[in-house]
Amino acid sequence: MALKPVARFALKEAGKAFAKYGLGELALIEQWSEIVGAHWAAIALPKHLNRRTETLTLRVAGPAALELAHQEGQLVDRINAYCGRRLIRRLKIVQGPLIKASGAHRRGARALTQGDEREIAKRTSKIIDSSLKEALASLGRAIRSRAV
């Protein structure tokens, strides 16, 4: 039995989950900042994609909704250009607080000690695949930096 990369499986399953809730285009979520730019990504997040009406619902932080409404045509063009086809025709704007997956509301990360780095290096030392080794070390650093 051949081993398959976990990322391939995870992306496939995440795509199914997002499709269930109306965001079948996983790239919209994964690449949102690159698609619309840092300014818009900071104040608007995709919430739902209605393929039948070609409408993308965005949750927008506070008064930025008015500014976004004036830029709707440009944002629709950027999203469609990124997707390589006309995916959406219009935006539906819903005002509300943004909930970011990045943990923006958490306390800042603590600096890693030399002991943390040694422990991570020790735990990943027997991994042969260099890209997997670096990915797991990076994950270990992220976890250790969040520990209180």
Foldseek 3Di string as FASTA:
>chain_A
DDDDDPVVVVVVVVLVVCVVQARNPVCCQVVVCVQQHPVQVVFKHWRHADQVQQETEIEGEPPCQVVCVVCFVVSQVSNCVVVVHNSHDTYHYHYDDDDDPVPPVDDFFADDDVVLLVVLCVVLVPPDDPVVSVVSSVVSRVVNRRDD
